[in-house]
Amino acid sequence: MAYWLFKSEPETWGWDDQVKKGAPEEWSGVRNYQARNNMREMKLGELGFFYHSVKEKAVVGIVKVAALAHPDSTTDDPRWECVDIEAVRPFGRPVTLDEIKAHPELGKMVLVNNSRLSVQPVSEKEWKIICGLGGVAP
């Protein structure tokens, strides 16, 4: 199983919005080829971190892929696709970017080295460490 990280500005769409939705939500509006290609690689049921960007800069919950890559409904441009995700569970406490950067075993994480990429892979080792820091079982 692969693991992922989905970044969102909480003022636009935050963890609380994802939870309140109570159903899968299209991860739309991504206009970066690498992020789109990452979504094309996803399989149903794979898990991802929900990351609040901008001010908070923290992993706040876990989501799962609920629909494979499909045309993004926010554009007529066929180049852009997205997946649907749904909330699985919140973290016991947010894990901040500063904590992630300070952890010696997370130095090669995409989030640390390419913080602008909105949809990115997470290794199994990184997944387990961050889940532990957030107070949830991996």
N, C-alpha and C. Protein backbone atom coordinates (compact mmCIF):
# COMPACT_ATOMS: atom_id res chain seq x y z
N MET A 1 0.84 -1.18 0.00
CA MET A 1 0.00 0.00 0.00
C MET A 1 0.88 1.24 0.00
N ALA A 2 0.51 2.21 -0.81
CA ALA A 2 1.21 3.49 -0.84
C ALA A 2 0.51 4.45 0.13
N TYR A 3 1.26 5.45 0.58
CA TYR A 3 0.72 6.48 1.47
C TYR A 3 0.95 7.83 0.82
N TRP A 4 0.13 8.81 1.20
CA TRP A 4 0.12 10.11 0.54
C TRP A 4 -0.04 11.23 1.55
N LEU A 5 0.16 12.45 1.07
CA LEU A 5 -0.11 13.65 1.86
C LEU A 5 -0.85 14.63 0.96
N PHE A 6 -1.98 15.14 1.46
CA PHE A 6 -2.80 16.12 0.74
C PHE A 6 -2.73 17.44 1.49
N LYS A 7 -2.28 18.49 0.82
CA LYS A 7 -2.16 19.80 1.45
C LYS A 7 -3.34 20.67 1.09
N SER A 8 -3.84 21.39 2.08
CA SER A 8 -4.94 22.31 1.85
C SER A 8 -4.83 23.52 2.76
N GLU A 9 -5.25 24.65 2.25
CA GLU A 9 -5.34 25.84 3.09
C GLU A 9 -6.62 25.72 3.90
N PRO A 10 -6.53 25.70 5.23
CA PRO A 10 -7.71 25.45 6.05
C PRO A 10 -8.81 26.50 5.86
N GLU A 11 -8.45 27.70 5.43
CA GLU A 11 -9.46 28.73 5.18
C GLU A 11 -10.30 28.39 3.94
N THR A 12 -9.72 27.60 3.03
CA THR A 12 -10.41 27.21 1.80
C THR A 12 -11.15 25.89 2.00
N TRP A 13 -10.44 24.87 2.49
CA TRP A 13 -11.03 23.56 2.78
C TRP A 13 -10.16 22.91 3.85
N GLY A 14 -10.67 22.85 5.05
CA GLY A 14 -9.89 22.31 6.16
C GLY A 14 -10.39 20.96 6.62
N TRP A 15 -9.71 20.42 7.60
CA TRP A 15 -10.07 19.12 8.16
C TRP A 15 -11.53 19.10 8.62
N ASP A 16 -11.96 20.15 9.31
CA ASP A 16 -13.35 20.19 9.78
C ASP A 16 -14.34 20.13 8.62
N ASP A 17 -14.01 20.78 7.50
CA ASP A 17 -14.87 20.72 6.31
C ASP A 17 -14.93 19.29 5.79
N GLN A 18 -13.77 18.63 5.75
CA GLN A 18 -13.71 17.25 5.25
C GLN A 18 -14.55 16.33 6.12
N VAL A 19 -14.46 16.49 7.44
CA VAL A 19 -15.23 15.66 8.37
C VAL A 19 -16.72 15.95 8.22
N LYS A 20 -17.10 17.23 8.18
CA LYS A 20 -18.52 17.60 8.07
C LYS A 20 -19.14 17.09 6.79
N LYS A 21 -18.35 16.97 5.74
CA LYS A 21 -18.86 16.47 4.47
C LYS A 21 -19.50 15.09 4.68
N GLY A 22 -18.88 14.25 5.50
CA GLY A 22 -19.46 12.95 5.82
C GLY A 22 -19.50 11.99 4.65
N ALA A 23 -18.82 12.32 3.58
CA ALA A 23 -18.79 11.51 2.37
C ALA A 23 -17.54 11.89 1.58
N PRO A 24 -17.20 11.10 0.58
CA PRO A 24 -16.03 11.46 -0.22
C PRO A 24 -16.18 12.85 -0.87
N GLU A 25 -15.05 13.53 -0.99
CA GLU A 25 -14.99 14.85 -1.60
C GLU A 25 -13.91 14.86 -2.66
N GLU A 26 -14.22 15.46 -3.78
CA GLU A 26 -13.26 15.59 -4.88
C GLU A 26 -12.09 16.48 -4.43
N TRP A 27 -10.86 16.01 -4.63
CA TRP A 27 -9.67 16.80 -4.31
C TRP A 27 -9.33 17.61 -5.56
N SER A 28 -10.15 18.61 -5.81
CA SER A 28 -10.11 19.35 -7.07
C SER A 28 -9.22 20.59 -7.00
N GLY A 29 -8.99 21.17 -8.16
CA GLY A 29 -8.26 22.43 -8.23
C GLY A 29 -6.76 22.29 -8.30
N VAL A 30 -6.24 21.08 -8.34
CA VAL A 30 -4.79 20.86 -8.41
C VAL A 30 -4.33 21.16 -9.83
N ARG A 31 -3.37 22.07 -9.97
CA ARG A 31 -2.87 22.47 -11.29
C ARG A 31 -1.35 22.35 -11.35
N ASN A 32 -0.88 21.22 -10.89
CA ASN A 32 0.54 20.90 -10.92
C ASN A 32 0.64 19.49 -11.48
N TYR A 33 1.48 19.31 -12.50
CA TYR A 33 1.57 18.01 -13.16
C TYR A 33 2.04 16.90 -12.24
N GLN A 34 3.03 17.19 -11.41
CA GLN A 34 3.55 16.16 -10.51
C GLN A 34 2.47 15.73 -9.51
N ALA A 35 1.74 16.69 -8.95
CA ALA A 35 0.66 16.37 -8.02
C ALA A 35 -0.43 15.57 -8.72
N ARG A 36 -0.78 15.98 -9.95
CA ARG A 36 -1.78 15.23 -10.72
C ARG A 36 -1.31 13.81 -10.98
N ASN A 37 -0.05 13.66 -11.37
CA ASN A 37 0.49 12.32 -11.62
C ASN A 37 0.48 11.46 -10.37
N ASN A 38 0.74 12.07 -9.21
CA ASN A 38 0.64 11.33 -7.96
C ASN A 38 -0.78 10.81 -7.76
N MET A 39 -1.77 11.63 -8.06
CA MET A 39 -3.16 11.18 -7.90
C MET A 39 -3.49 10.06 -8.88
N ARG A 40 -2.91 10.10 -10.07
CA ARG A 40 -3.12 9.03 -11.04
C ARG A 40 -2.58 7.69 -10.55
N GLU A 41 -1.59 7.73 -9.66
CA GLU A 41 -0.97 6.52 -9.12
C GLU A 41 -1.76 5.90 -7.96
N MET A 42 -2.67 6.64 -7.40
CA MET A 42 -3.38 6.19 -6.20
C MET A 42 -4.34 5.04 -6.49
N LYS A 43 -4.49 4.20 -5.47
CA LYS A 43 -5.43 3.07 -5.54
C LYS A 43 -6.50 3.26 -4.47
N LEU A 44 -7.66 2.68 -4.72
CA LEU A 44 -8.75 2.78 -3.76
C LEU A 44 -8.32 2.26 -2.39
N GLY A 45 -8.70 3.00 -1.37
CA GLY A 45 -8.42 2.59 0.00
C GLY A 45 -7.08 3.02 0.54
N GLU A 46 -6.19 3.53 -0.33
CA GLU A 46 -4.90 4.00 0.19
C GLU A 46 -5.14 5.19 1.11
N LEU A 47 -4.24 5.33 2.08
CA LEU A 47 -4.39 6.36 3.10
C LEU A 47 -3.47 7.54 2.84
N GLY A 48 -3.90 8.68 3.36
CA GLY A 48 -3.09 9.89 3.23
C GLY A 48 -3.24 10.77 4.45
N PHE A 49 -2.24 11.61 4.64
CA PHE A 49 -2.32 12.63 5.68
C PHE A 49 -3.07 13.83 5.13
N PHE A 50 -3.88 14.46 5.97
CA PHE A 50 -4.53 15.73 5.64
C PHE A 50 -3.70 16.79 6.32
N TYR A 51 -3.13 17.69 5.51
CA TYR A 51 -2.15 18.67 6.00
C TYR A 51 -2.70 20.08 5.82
N HIS A 52 -2.74 20.83 6.92
CA HIS A 52 -3.12 22.24 6.85
C HIS A 52 -1.88 23.06 6.51
N SER A 53 -1.92 23.74 5.38
CA SER A 53 -0.78 24.55 4.94
C SER A 53 -0.93 26.00 5.41
N VAL A 54 -0.08 26.86 4.93
CA VAL A 54 -0.04 28.29 5.17
C VAL A 54 0.30 28.60 6.62
N LYS A 55 -0.68 28.96 7.45
CA LYS A 55 -0.40 29.39 8.82
C LYS A 55 -0.11 28.23 9.76
N GLU A 56 -0.96 27.21 9.75
CA GLU A 56 -0.85 26.12 10.71
C GLU A 56 0.32 25.19 10.41
N LYS A 57 0.48 24.81 9.16
CA LYS A 57 1.55 23.91 8.72
C LYS A 57 1.66 22.68 9.61
N ALA A 58 0.61 21.83 9.55
CA ALA A 58 0.58 20.65 10.40
C ALA A 58 -0.28 19.56 9.79
N VAL A 59 0.11 18.31 10.04
CA VAL A 59 -0.72 17.16 9.71
C VAL A 59 -1.78 17.07 10.80
N VAL A 60 -3.05 17.00 10.37
CA VAL A 60 -4.14 17.04 11.35
C VAL A 60 -5.05 15.82 11.32
N GLY A 61 -4.94 15.00 10.28
CA GLY A 61 -5.82 13.84 10.20
C GLY A 61 -5.43 12.88 9.10
N ILE A 62 -6.20 11.81 9.01
CA ILE A 62 -5.97 10.77 8.00
C ILE A 62 -7.21 10.66 7.12
N VAL A 63 -6.96 10.57 5.82
CA VAL A 63 -8.02 10.39 4.83
C VAL A 63 -7.73 9.13 4.03
N LYS A 64 -8.74 8.66 3.29
CA LYS A 64 -8.51 7.54 2.39
C LYS A 64 -9.01 7.90 1.00
N VAL A 65 -8.40 7.27 -0.01
CA VAL A 65 -8.79 7.47 -1.39
C VAL A 65 -10.09 6.70 -1.62
N ALA A 66 -11.13 7.44 -2.03
CA ALA A 66 -12.45 6.85 -2.19
C ALA A 66 -12.88 6.73 -3.65
N ALA A 67 -12.17 7.40 -4.55
CA ALA A 67 -12.42 7.27 -5.99
C ALA A 67 -11.12 7.51 -6.72
N LEU A 68 -10.89 6.70 -7.74
CA LEU A 68 -9.67 6.81 -8.53
C LEU A 68 -9.67 8.10 -9.34
N ALA A 69 -8.50 8.44 -9.91
CA ALA A 69 -8.36 9.66 -10.70
C ALA A 69 -9.42 9.73 -11.79
N HIS A 70 -10.01 10.91 -11.89
CA HIS A 70 -11.07 11.18 -12.87
C HIS A 70 -11.01 12.66 -13.24
N PRO A 71 -11.71 13.09 -14.29
CA PRO A 71 -11.66 14.50 -14.67
C PRO A 71 -12.06 15.41 -13.50
N ASP A 72 -11.31 16.48 -13.33
CA ASP A 72 -11.57 17.47 -12.29
C ASP A 72 -12.79 18.30 -12.71
N SER A 73 -13.82 18.32 -11.88
CA SER A 73 -15.06 19.02 -12.23
C SER A 73 -14.94 20.54 -12.22
N THR A 74 -13.80 21.06 -11.72
CA THR A 74 -13.66 22.52 -11.65
C THR A 74 -13.04 23.11 -12.91
N THR A 75 -12.81 22.27 -13.94
CA THR A 75 -12.25 22.78 -15.19
C THR A 75 -12.73 21.93 -16.36
N ASP A 76 -12.74 22.54 -17.53
CA ASP A 76 -13.04 21.80 -18.76
C ASP A 76 -11.76 21.31 -19.43
N ASP A 77 -10.62 21.65 -18.87
CA ASP A 77 -9.33 21.26 -19.43
C ASP A 77 -9.08 19.78 -19.11
N PRO A 78 -9.00 18.93 -20.13
CA PRO A 78 -8.86 17.49 -19.89
C PRO A 78 -7.53 17.06 -19.27
N ARG A 79 -6.57 17.97 -19.18
CA ARG A 79 -5.29 17.61 -18.57
C ARG A 79 -5.40 17.39 -17.07
N TRP A 80 -6.43 17.97 -16.43
CA TRP A 80 -6.48 17.97 -14.97
C TRP A 80 -7.45 16.93 -14.44
N GLU A 81 -6.93 16.11 -13.57
CA GLU A 81 -7.69 15.04 -12.93
C GLU A 81 -7.53 15.14 -11.42
N CYS A 82 -8.38 14.42 -10.72
CA CYS A 82 -8.30 14.41 -9.26
C CYS A 82 -8.86 13.09 -8.75
N VAL A 83 -8.66 12.84 -7.48
CA VAL A 83 -9.26 11.70 -6.79
C VAL A 83 -10.29 12.25 -5.81
N ASP A 84 -11.08 11.36 -5.25
CA ASP A 84 -11.97 11.72 -4.15
C ASP A 84 -11.38 11.13 -2.88
N ILE A 85 -11.45 11.90 -1.80
CA ILE A 85 -10.97 11.42 -0.50
C ILE A 85 -12.06 11.58 0.54
N GLU A 86 -11.94 10.79 1.61
CA GLU A 86 -12.86 10.97 2.74
C GLU A 86 -12.09 10.83 4.05
N ALA A 87 -12.61 11.53 5.06
CA ALA A 87 -11.98 11.52 6.38
C ALA A 87 -12.05 10.13 7.00
N VAL A 88 -10.95 9.72 7.63
CA VAL A 88 -10.89 8.46 8.37
C VAL A 88 -10.86 8.74 9.87
N ARG A 89 -9.89 9.54 10.31
CA ARG A 89 -9.81 9.88 11.72
C ARG A 89 -8.87 11.08 11.92
N PRO A 90 -9.13 11.85 12.98
CA PRO A 90 -8.25 12.97 13.29
C PRO A 90 -7.01 12.49 14.03
N PHE A 91 -6.00 13.30 14.04
CA PHE A 91 -4.84 13.05 14.86
C PHE A 91 -5.18 13.40 16.30
N GLY A 92 -4.53 12.73 17.24
CA GLY A 92 -4.68 13.07 18.65
C GLY A 92 -4.21 14.49 18.91
N ARG A 93 -3.17 14.86 18.17
CA ARG A 93 -2.66 16.24 18.21
C ARG A 93 -2.01 16.52 16.86
N PRO A 94 -2.05 17.77 16.39
CA PRO A 94 -1.40 18.09 15.12
C PRO A 94 0.11 17.86 15.19
N VAL A 95 0.69 17.43 14.07
CA VAL A 95 2.14 17.27 13.96
C VAL A 95 2.61 18.37 13.02
N THR A 96 3.38 19.30 13.57
CA THR A 96 3.77 20.49 12.81
C THR A 96 4.93 20.20 11.85
N LEU A 97 5.04 21.06 10.87
CA LEU A 97 6.15 20.98 9.93
C LEU A 97 7.48 21.13 10.67
N ASP A 98 7.53 22.00 11.66
CA ASP A 98 8.77 22.17 12.44
C ASP A 98 9.17 20.87 13.13
N GLU A 99 8.20 20.15 13.68
CA GLU A 99 8.49 18.85 14.31
C GLU A 99 9.01 17.86 13.28
N ILE A 100 8.36 17.85 12.12
CA ILE A 100 8.77 16.93 11.06
C ILE A 100 10.19 17.24 10.61
N LYS A 101 10.50 18.52 10.42
CA LYS A 101 11.85 18.92 10.00
C LYS A 101 12.90 18.59 11.06
N ALA A 102 12.51 18.63 12.33
CA ALA A 102 13.45 18.38 13.42
C ALA A 102 13.70 16.89 13.65
N HIS A 103 12.85 16.04 13.10
CA HIS A 103 12.98 14.60 13.34
C HIS A 103 14.05 14.05 12.39
N PRO A 104 15.10 13.42 12.92
CA PRO A 104 16.22 12.97 12.09
C PRO A 104 15.84 11.96 11.00
N GLU A 105 14.81 11.15 11.24
CA GLU A 105 14.44 10.14 10.26
C GLU A 105 13.46 10.65 9.20
N LEU A 106 13.09 11.92 9.28
CA LEU A 106 12.15 12.49 8.31
C LEU A 106 12.80 13.51 7.38
N GLY A 107 14.11 13.60 7.42
CA GLY A 107 14.84 14.59 6.63
C GLY A 107 14.72 14.45 5.13
N LYS A 108 14.40 13.24 4.65
CA LYS A 108 14.28 13.02 3.21
C LYS A 108 12.82 13.07 2.74
N MET A 109 11.91 13.36 3.65
CA MET A 109 10.50 13.42 3.30
C MET A 109 10.25 14.51 2.26
N VAL A 110 9.35 14.22 1.30
CA VAL A 110 9.04 15.19 0.26
C VAL A 110 8.58 16.51 0.88
N LEU A 111 7.76 16.45 1.92
CA LEU A 111 7.27 17.66 2.58
C LEU A 111 8.40 18.57 3.05
N VAL A 112 9.48 17.98 3.49
CA VAL A 112 10.63 18.75 3.98
C VAL A 112 11.41 19.37 2.82
N ASN A 113 11.47 18.66 1.70
CA ASN A 113 12.32 19.08 0.59
C ASN A 113 11.58 19.75 -0.57
N ASN A 114 10.27 19.62 -0.61
CA ASN A 114 9.47 20.24 -1.66
C ASN A 114 8.13 20.62 -1.06
N SER A 115 8.15 21.60 -0.19
CA SER A 115 6.96 21.94 0.59
C SER A 115 5.83 22.53 -0.26
N ARG A 116 6.10 22.87 -1.50
CA ARG A 116 5.05 23.47 -2.35
C ARG A 116 4.18 22.42 -3.04
N LEU A 117 4.63 21.19 -3.13
CA LEU A 117 3.88 20.15 -3.82
C LEU A 117 2.63 19.78 -3.02
N SER A 118 1.46 19.94 -3.63
CA SER A 118 0.20 19.82 -2.88
C SER A 118 -0.28 18.38 -2.66
N VAL A 119 0.17 17.45 -3.49
CA VAL A 119 -0.16 16.04 -3.31
C VAL A 119 1.13 15.26 -3.49
N GLN A 120 1.55 14.56 -2.45
CA GLN A 120 2.88 13.96 -2.47
C GLN A 120 2.89 12.58 -1.81
N PRO A 121 3.86 11.76 -2.22
CA PRO A 121 3.98 10.44 -1.59
C PRO A 121 4.62 10.53 -0.20
N VAL A 122 4.31 9.54 0.61
CA VAL A 122 4.87 9.41 1.96
C VAL A 122 5.33 7.96 2.07
N SER A 123 6.55 7.74 2.53
CA SER A 123 7.03 6.36 2.67
C SER A 123 6.35 5.69 3.87
N GLU A 124 6.40 4.37 3.91
CA GLU A 124 5.81 3.64 5.02
C GLU A 124 6.48 4.01 6.35
N LYS A 125 7.80 4.17 6.33
CA LYS A 125 8.52 4.56 7.54
C LYS A 125 8.08 5.95 8.01
N GLU A 126 7.98 6.91 7.07
CA GLU A 126 7.52 8.26 7.42
C GLU A 126 6.09 8.21 7.97
N TRP A 127 5.26 7.38 7.34
CA TRP A 127 3.87 7.23 7.79
C TRP A 127 3.82 6.80 9.26
N LYS A 128 4.57 5.77 9.58
CA LYS A 128 4.56 5.24 10.95
C LYS A 128 5.07 6.26 11.96
N ILE A 129 6.13 6.96 11.61
CA ILE A 129 6.69 7.96 12.53
C ILE A 129 5.70 9.08 12.80
N ILE A 130 5.11 9.62 11.74
CA ILE A 130 4.19 10.75 11.89
C ILE A 130 2.91 10.31 12.60
N CYS A 131 2.42 9.13 12.31
CA CYS A 131 1.25 8.63 13.05
C CYS A 131 1.57 8.56 14.54
N GLY A 132 2.75 8.06 14.87
CA GLY A 132 3.16 7.97 16.27
C GLY A 132 3.22 9.35 16.93
N LEU A 133 3.79 10.31 16.22
CA LEU A 133 3.87 11.67 16.75
C LEU A 133 2.49 12.27 16.95
N GLY A 134 1.54 11.89 16.08
CA GLY A 134 0.19 12.44 16.15
C GLY A 134 -0.74 11.69 17.09
N GLY A 135 -0.23 10.61 17.68
CA GLY A 135 -1.04 9.88 18.65
C GLY A 135 -2.08 8.95 18.06
N VAL A 136 -1.80 8.45 16.85
CA VAL A 136 -2.72 7.48 16.25
C VAL A 136 -1.94 6.24 15.81
N ALA A 137 -2.60 5.10 15.79
CA ALA A 137 -1.96 3.87 15.34
C ALA A 137 -1.79 3.94 13.83
N PRO A 138 -0.63 3.49 13.33
CA PRO A 138 -0.40 3.57 11.87
C PRO A 138 -1.32 2.66 11.07
